[in-house]
Structures are given as structure tokens and as C-alpha cells.
């Protein structure tokens, strides 16, 4: 792949809208005098899973139809249904009677009665229930090239479905952006609270040590100097163990990355899911290190928000 190709591809992707994996479309048209309906609906799925239900007359169109769907959509559980619409008072199927075959069955039954010495009456139902004596067939409807006839309706249905997925995707994008903005505010509060906690740790420990010294006075100056030195070391260790600034920086970086990917558009669902995993790891580490109740409460709220975001991201292509 050339260098120029590598540079152009991301730019094209950046203009692509975010799409939801949920949507529905229904298109009707007339083919060879017969009304046809094409329905398509999608739900979220890790990959692209296409299920198709076509009338027998359109069975030859399944493979090209499936290829067209795969070319337009990347993810989602997609159900495609093509059906013939019958006018009120009409039937899509007719019954036909094979009189020659019925006569052969009757002759065979008479022969069987004679050979076995049976005397029971042969009823019409006994003959009619044999295979193909009475058969059901679709009314006359024939298309030379099923996919060529069906493709305009199929393309229209796929276009409408894509439009609905884009509409839903834009709504989800707004919801996700609001959630990210809220977590940015929460991170700012955590950083402020962290600074307050860090400033208060030394005084809390000094107060505890002072209470111990008052209960058990140390007379020798040399011992007092050792205790003061050790106290400084413990304060340094505590400050390092409880400092969450590094986690806050990484969490903020992941939020910015999330926003960048979301605004780039296109197929962002999996990328955003991976970023959410990183955000979850950082906030768990932050919660474990923090030694403050108010920080713990804020961490729980952020975890709830992350779970809500994850549920929304699951619907993005």
C-alpha cells in the first residue's frame, strides 16, 4: 500500500457519520404486476449477522442481496424479509387436481381390495389424501432475473435503513458527549478533592503522633530526632501510595481519546468499547488508592456513568 493511500484513508473516515445498529425500514413496489414489500430491521450484534426470508420466486436473488447488505453495513443482527402483497379478496395460491393420477390410485386400490378380499368402500378422501392428487401452487408469477427486478426496492430499503441508523447514531452521540462532559466535571472535582486530602495528611499524622508522645514522653533528644526522621519517611510513603494524580491524568486522557474517536465518526463502536475498558481500569485503581470517603463516593458515581455509557456504546456500529 502506498504512502498516499495511508494518508487519505483516515480523512475519508473522519467525515463518516456515527451509526446506531438499531433501525427499521419498509419499502413497497410492483414487479410484473405483483406488489412486493421489502422489510429490513437491525439490532446490535458483535459482528454482521444477516438473516433473509425470500419467496421461492426470489430465491436466486438471495446471494446478490446478501452481498449488497454486507457492502453497506458492517455490524448488527439484520433481518431481511421480502414478501408478496395480496389484494383483498385474492389468493396467492391455487389448488389443482391431477385426475389421471387419481384414476391410477383408484385402480390400485381396487386391485388391492380384490387381492386381499376386502369389501370396504373406497371413499373420495382415500384417494384425495394421496400425494399430488390435489396440489397447491402459487399463482402465476415469474421473473426472468429476480435480483435485477428486486434490486431497486432492495437499495431503497437499505438506504432508508442506513438513514435511520444515522439518525439514531447522532442521538446516541449527543448522549455520549453529555456523559463525557459530566465525567470531565467529576474528574475536576476529584482533582480538587485530592489536593485537599494531600494537604491534610501530614497534619493528621502529626496530630496522632503528638497524642502518642504526650501519652508516652520521649526524654532523650537522639530518640526524638530518629522519630522525626521516621515520621517524615512515613509521610512521604503515604503521600506516594495515596496520590491519584497519575490515574486522574490517564483517565482524563482516555476521556479526550473517547471524544476524539466519537467525533471522527464511522465505525466507532468497538474502539469506544476498548477505551471504556481502560477507563474502568483507571477508575478502579483510583478508588483503591484513595483514602477519602468523598473521593470514594465520586468514584462510585463515575463507575455508574461508565456502565450507562457502555450500554449506549453497545448500540453503535
Protein backbone atom coordinates (compact mmCIF):
# COMPACT_ATOMS: atom_id res chain seq x y z
CA UNK A 1 0.00 0.00 0.00
CA UNK A 2 1.39 3.39 -0.95
CA UNK A 3 2.11 6.17 1.49
CA UNK A 4 -0.52 8.39 -0.11
CA UNK A 5 -3.20 5.73 0.49
CA UNK A 6 -2.34 5.62 4.19
CA UNK A 7 -2.71 9.38 4.45
CA UNK A 8 -6.02 9.63 2.56
CA UNK A 9 -7.94 6.80 4.24
CA UNK A 10 -8.30 8.41 7.72
CA UNK A 11 -9.54 11.67 6.20
CA UNK A 12 -12.35 9.87 4.38
CA UNK A 13 -13.28 8.03 7.58
CA UNK A 14 -13.40 11.28 9.57
CA UNK A 15 -16.38 12.53 7.56
CA UNK A 16 -18.44 9.37 8.10
CA UNK A 17 -21.41 9.76 10.48
CA UNK A 18 -21.81 7.67 13.60
CA UNK A 19 -24.42 4.94 13.08
CA UNK A 20 -26.59 3.05 15.51
CA UNK A 21 -27.08 -0.67 14.97
CA UNK A 22 -30.83 -0.41 15.55
CA UNK A 23 -33.23 0.59 12.80
CA UNK A 24 -36.14 -0.42 10.58
CA UNK A 25 -37.25 0.24 7.01
CA UNK A 26 -40.12 -0.92 4.80
CA UNK A 27 -40.48 -0.33 1.05
CA UNK A 28 -43.23 -1.43 -1.33
CA UNK A 29 -43.29 -1.63 -5.12
CA UNK A 30 -44.79 -3.51 -8.06
CA UNK A 31 -42.88 -6.12 -10.03
CA UNK A 32 -44.52 -7.78 -13.06
CA UNK A 33 -47.93 -6.74 -11.80
CA UNK A 34 -47.31 -8.12 -8.30
CA UNK A 35 -46.98 -5.91 -5.23
CA UNK A 36 -43.78 -6.62 -3.26
CA UNK A 37 -42.74 -5.47 0.20
CA UNK A 38 -39.11 -5.40 1.42
CA UNK A 39 -38.65 -5.04 5.18
CA UNK A 40 -35.33 -4.68 6.99
CA UNK A 41 -34.63 -4.33 10.71
CA UNK A 42 -31.41 -4.42 12.72
CA UNK A 43 -30.37 -4.91 16.33
CA UNK A 44 -26.97 -4.68 17.97
CA UNK A 45 -24.51 -7.55 17.42
CA UNK A 46 -20.77 -8.01 17.73
CA UNK A 47 -20.49 -8.78 14.02
CA UNK A 48 -22.73 -8.64 10.93
CA UNK A 49 -25.34 -11.40 11.07
CA UNK A 50 -27.75 -11.37 8.09
CA UNK A 51 -30.92 -13.46 8.06
CA UNK A 52 -33.00 -13.47 4.86
CA UNK A 53 -36.54 -14.66 4.14
CA UNK A 54 -37.44 -14.54 0.46
CA UNK A 55 -40.32 -16.08 -1.52
CA UNK A 56 -39.41 -19.05 -3.68
CA UNK A 57 -39.63 -16.89 -6.79
CA UNK A 58 -36.80 -14.69 -5.46
CA UNK A 59 -34.52 -17.44 -4.15
CA UNK A 60 -31.98 -16.70 -6.88
CA UNK A 61 -31.70 -13.13 -5.59
CA UNK A 62 -30.57 -14.13 -2.08
CA UNK A 63 -26.81 -14.23 -2.69
CA UNK A 64 -26.53 -10.86 -4.53
CA UNK A 65 -28.91 -9.31 -1.99
CA UNK A 66 -26.77 -10.62 0.87
CA UNK A 67 -23.62 -9.25 -0.82
CA UNK A 68 -25.27 -5.83 -1.18
CA UNK A 69 -26.16 -5.80 2.53
CA UNK A 70 -22.62 -6.78 3.52
CA UNK A 71 -21.22 -3.98 1.37
CA UNK A 72 -23.41 -1.34 3.06
CA UNK A 73 -23.41 -2.42 6.73
CA UNK A 74 -20.54 -3.52 8.94
CA UNK A 75 -22.20 -4.69 12.18
CA UNK A 76 -25.60 -5.67 13.50
CA UNK A 77 -28.11 -8.50 13.53
CA UNK A 78 -30.01 -7.75 10.32
CA UNK A 79 -33.31 -9.40 9.33
CA UNK A 80 -34.42 -9.09 5.71
CA UNK A 81 -37.94 -10.08 4.64
CA UNK A 82 -39.32 -9.99 1.11
CA UNK A 83 -43.00 -10.84 0.67
CA UNK A 84 -45.71 -10.69 -1.93
CA UNK A 85 -48.68 -8.47 -1.01
CA UNK A 86 -52.06 -9.87 -1.94
CA UNK A 87 -55.01 -7.66 -2.78
CA UNK A 88 -58.13 -8.14 -0.62
CA UNK A 89 -60.25 -10.99 -1.91
CA UNK A 90 -57.42 -12.63 -3.83
CA UNK A 91 -55.23 -15.59 -3.01
CA UNK A 92 -51.56 -16.08 -3.66
CA UNK A 93 -52.06 -19.81 -4.15
CA UNK A 94 -54.36 -22.06 -6.19
CA UNK A 95 -55.38 -25.71 -5.91
CA UNK A 96 -55.12 -28.10 -8.84
CA UNK A 97 -56.37 -31.69 -9.27
CA UNK A 98 -54.40 -34.42 -11.05
CA UNK A 99 -57.29 -36.54 -12.38
CA UNK A 100 -55.04 -39.01 -14.18
CA UNK A 101 -53.08 -39.71 -11.02
CA UNK A 102 -56.32 -40.02 -9.03
CA UNK A 103 -57.58 -42.65 -11.51
CA UNK A 104 -54.36 -44.63 -11.08
CA UNK A 105 -54.72 -44.55 -7.28
CA UNK A 106 -58.35 -45.72 -7.59
CA UNK A 107 -57.35 -48.59 -9.85
CA UNK A 108 -54.57 -49.57 -7.45
CA UNK A 109 -56.97 -49.58 -4.50
CA UNK A 110 -59.47 -51.75 -6.39
CA UNK A 111 -56.70 -54.20 -7.22
CA UNK A 112 -55.63 -54.22 -3.57
CA UNK A 113 -59.21 -54.95 -2.44
CA UNK A 114 -59.55 -57.81 -4.90
CA UNK A 115 -56.23 -59.42 -3.95
CA UNK A 116 -56.88 -59.19 -0.22
CA UNK A 117 -60.59 -59.96 -0.36
CA UNK A 118 -61.60 -56.65 1.16
CA UNK A 119 -65.13 -55.29 0.81
CA UNK A 120 -64.98 -51.84 2.42
CA UNK A 121 -66.00 -48.80 0.38
CA UNK A 122 -63.31 -46.70 -1.31
CA UNK A 123 -64.04 -43.09 -0.41
CA UNK A 124 -63.08 -39.93 -2.27
CA UNK A 125 -61.00 -38.87 0.72
CA UNK A 126 -58.95 -42.07 0.46
CA UNK A 127 -57.80 -41.01 -2.98
CA UNK A 128 -57.56 -37.27 -2.38
CA UNK A 129 -55.11 -37.70 0.50
CA UNK A 130 -52.52 -39.39 -1.69
CA UNK A 131 -49.54 -37.20 -2.66
CA UNK A 132 -50.01 -34.81 -5.60
CA UNK A 133 -53.64 -35.77 -6.29
CA UNK A 134 -54.60 -32.33 -5.02
CA UNK A 135 -51.68 -29.89 -5.03
CA UNK A 136 -51.26 -26.29 -4.01
CA UNK A 137 -49.28 -23.93 -6.18
CA UNK A 138 -48.54 -20.23 -6.30
CA UNK A 139 -50.42 -18.13 -8.77
CA UNK A 140 -48.65 -17.37 -12.00
CA UNK A 141 -45.73 -15.07 -11.19
CA UNK A 142 -42.44 -15.39 -12.99
CA UNK A 143 -39.41 -13.10 -13.23
CA UNK A 144 -36.52 -13.81 -15.55
CA UNK A 145 -33.86 -12.08 -13.42
CA UNK A 146 -35.07 -11.89 -9.78
CA UNK A 147 -32.20 -9.74 -8.49
CA UNK A 148 -32.35 -7.25 -11.36
CA UNK A 149 -36.06 -6.79 -10.65
CA UNK A 150 -35.69 -6.69 -6.86
CA UNK A 151 -32.52 -4.58 -6.61
CA UNK A 152 -34.17 -1.09 -6.86
CA UNK A 153 -36.50 -1.92 -3.96
CA UNK A 154 -33.65 -3.52 -2.01
CA UNK A 155 -31.40 -0.49 -2.47
CA UNK A 156 -34.19 1.84 -1.41
CA UNK A 157 -34.84 -0.24 1.72
CA UNK A 158 -31.12 -0.28 2.60
CA UNK A 159 -30.86 3.49 2.08
CA UNK A 160 -33.79 4.17 4.39
CA UNK A 161 -32.38 1.79 6.98
CA UNK A 162 -28.99 3.49 6.83
CA UNK A 163 -30.66 6.90 7.23
CA UNK A 164 -32.50 5.71 10.33
CA UNK A 165 -29.32 4.21 11.77
CA UNK A 166 -27.52 7.51 11.19
CA UNK A 167 -30.36 9.44 12.86
CA UNK A 168 -30.24 7.13 15.88
CA UNK A 169 -26.44 7.30 15.88
CA UNK A 170 -26.44 11.09 16.07
CA UNK A 171 -28.83 10.96 19.01
CA UNK A 172 -26.57 8.45 20.78
CA UNK A 173 -23.54 10.61 20.02
CA UNK A 174 -25.16 13.57 21.78
CA UNK A 175 -26.00 11.41 24.81
CA UNK A 176 -22.44 10.07 24.98
CA UNK A 177 -20.89 13.52 24.64
CA UNK A 178 -23.03 14.82 27.51
CA UNK A 179 -21.92 11.87 29.64
CA UNK A 180 -18.26 12.53 28.82
CA UNK A 181 -18.66 16.23 29.70
CA UNK A 182 -20.19 15.21 33.02
CA UNK A 183 -17.27 12.90 33.82
CA UNK A 184 -14.81 15.66 32.94
CA UNK A 185 -16.50 17.81 35.58
CA UNK A 186 -16.33 14.93 38.04
CA UNK A 187 -12.61 14.47 37.35
CA UNK A 188 -12.05 18.18 38.02
CA UNK A 189 -13.82 17.78 41.38
CA UNK A 190 -11.71 14.71 42.18
CA UNK A 191 -8.51 16.62 41.42
CA UNK A 192 -9.61 19.43 43.73
CA UNK A 193 -10.53 16.97 46.47
CA UNK A 194 -7.24 15.13 46.00
CA UNK A 195 -5.28 18.35 46.61
CA UNK A 196 -7.24 18.97 49.82
CA UNK A 197 -6.59 15.45 51.04
CA UNK A 198 -2.88 15.59 50.24
CA UNK A 199 -2.56 18.86 52.17
CA UNK A 200 -4.35 17.42 55.20
CA UNK A 201 -2.50 14.08 55.51
CA UNK A 202 0.67 15.42 57.24
CA UNK A 203 -1.25 17.33 59.89
CA UNK A 204 -3.49 14.34 60.66
CA UNK A 205 -0.49 12.08 61.18
CA UNK A 206 1.37 14.71 63.25
CA UNK A 207 -1.67 15.07 65.49
CA UNK A 208 -1.75 11.30 66.05
CA UNK A 209 1.98 11.15 66.77
CA UNK A 210 1.72 14.15 69.08
CA UNK A 211 -1.00 12.39 71.07
CA UNK A 212 1.25 9.35 71.41
CA UNK A 213 4.22 11.47 72.53
CA UNK A 214 2.07 13.23 75.10
CA UNK A 215 0.97 9.87 76.49
CA UNK A 216 4.49 8.43 76.35
CA UNK A 217 7.00 11.31 76.52
CA UNK A 218 10.45 10.77 74.98
CA UNK A 219 13.17 12.39 77.05
CA UNK A 220 16.27 11.64 75.01
CA UNK A 221 16.86 14.09 72.18
CA UNK A 222 18.54 11.48 69.97
CA UNK A 223 15.45 9.26 70.04
CA UNK A 224 13.25 12.26 69.25
CA UNK A 225 15.37 13.00 66.17
CA UNK A 226 15.03 9.41 64.95
CA UNK A 227 11.29 9.52 65.40
CA UNK A 228 11.02 12.80 63.48
CA UNK A 229 13.11 11.34 60.65
CA UNK A 230 10.99 8.21 60.52
CA UNK A 231 7.82 10.30 60.58
CA UNK A 232 8.99 12.21 57.51
CA UNK A 233 9.66 8.94 55.68
CA UNK A 234 6.21 7.56 56.51
CA UNK A 235 4.56 10.76 55.35
CA UNK A 236 6.41 10.51 52.05
CA UNK A 237 5.42 6.87 51.60
CA UNK A 238 1.78 7.61 52.46
CA UNK A 239 1.65 10.53 50.05
CA UNK A 240 3.01 8.33 47.28
CA UNK A 241 0.64 5.44 47.97
CA UNK A 242 -2.47 7.60 48.14
CA UNK A 243 -1.62 10.02 45.33
CA UNK A 244 -4.14 9.53 42.50
CA UNK A 245 -2.86 12.29 40.23
CA UNK A 246 -1.38 9.78 37.77
CA UNK A 247 -4.71 7.95 37.49
CA UNK A 248 -6.55 11.24 37.07
CA UNK A 249 -4.24 12.25 34.23
CA UNK A 250 -4.64 8.92 32.44
CA UNK A 251 -8.43 8.91 32.97
CA UNK A 252 -8.66 12.42 31.51
CA UNK A 253 -6.52 11.31 28.57
CA UNK A 254 -8.86 8.39 27.87
CA UNK A 255 -11.87 10.73 28.01
CA UNK A 256 -10.24 13.01 25.46
CA UNK A 257 -9.45 9.99 23.26
CA UNK A 258 -13.08 8.83 23.57
CA UNK A 259 -14.30 12.26 22.40
CA UNK A 260 -11.82 12.29 19.51
CA UNK A 261 -12.93 8.86 18.25
CA UNK A 262 -16.61 9.76 18.66
CA UNK A 263 -16.20 12.97 16.66
CA UNK A 264 -14.19 11.18 13.95
CA UNK A 265 -17.34 9.15 13.15
CA UNK A 266 -17.65 5.95 11.16
CA UNK A 267 -17.45 2.53 12.76
CA UNK A 268 -16.57 3.59 16.29
CA UNK A 269 -18.40 1.03 18.45
CA UNK A 270 -15.53 -1.39 19.08
CA UNK A 271 -12.94 1.36 19.55
CA UNK A 272 -15.09 3.12 22.13
CA UNK A 273 -15.67 -0.17 23.94
CA UNK A 274 -11.90 -0.70 24.28
CA UNK A 275 -11.48 2.85 25.64
CA UNK A 276 -14.24 2.19 28.18
CA UNK A 277 -12.30 -0.83 29.42
CA UNK A 278 -9.26 1.39 30.02
CA UNK A 279 -11.41 3.97 31.79
CA UNK A 280 -12.81 1.23 34.02
CA UNK A 281 -9.32 0.03 34.99
CA UNK A 282 -8.14 3.55 35.82
CA UNK A 283 -11.15 4.42 37.98
CA UNK A 284 -10.85 1.10 39.86
CA UNK A 285 -7.20 1.81 40.63
CA UNK A 286 -8.06 5.35 41.68
CA UNK A 287 -10.77 4.11 44.03
CA UNK A 288 -8.45 1.56 45.61
CA UNK A 289 -5.71 4.14 46.26
CA UNK A 290 -7.87 6.96 47.54
CA UNK A 291 -8.14 7.21 51.33
CA UNK A 292 -11.02 9.67 51.41
CA UNK A 293 -14.73 8.93 51.73
CA UNK A 294 -15.88 11.77 49.48
CA UNK A 295 -13.49 10.61 46.74
CA UNK A 296 -14.90 7.09 47.09
CA UNK A 297 -18.45 8.41 46.61
CA UNK A 298 -17.42 10.28 43.47
CA UNK A 299 -15.69 7.16 42.13
CA UNK A 300 -18.90 5.14 42.55
CA UNK A 301 -20.85 7.76 40.56
CA UNK A 302 -18.27 7.66 37.78
CA UNK A 303 -18.49 3.85 37.66
CA UNK A 304 -22.27 4.09 37.29
CA UNK A 305 -21.83 6.62 34.49
CA UNK A 306 -19.33 4.37 32.71
CA UNK A 307 -21.78 1.48 32.82
CA UNK A 308 -24.52 3.67 31.35
CA UNK A 309 -22.16 4.74 28.56
CA UNK A 310 -21.21 1.12 27.87
CA UNK A 311 -24.88 0.22 27.33
CA UNK A 312 -25.20 3.02 24.77
CA UNK A 313 -21.94 2.18 23.00
CA UNK A 314 -23.16 -1.40 22.51
CA UNK A 315 -25.72 0.02 20.03
CA UNK A 316 -23.14 1.82 17.88
CA UNK A 317 -21.79 0.29 14.68
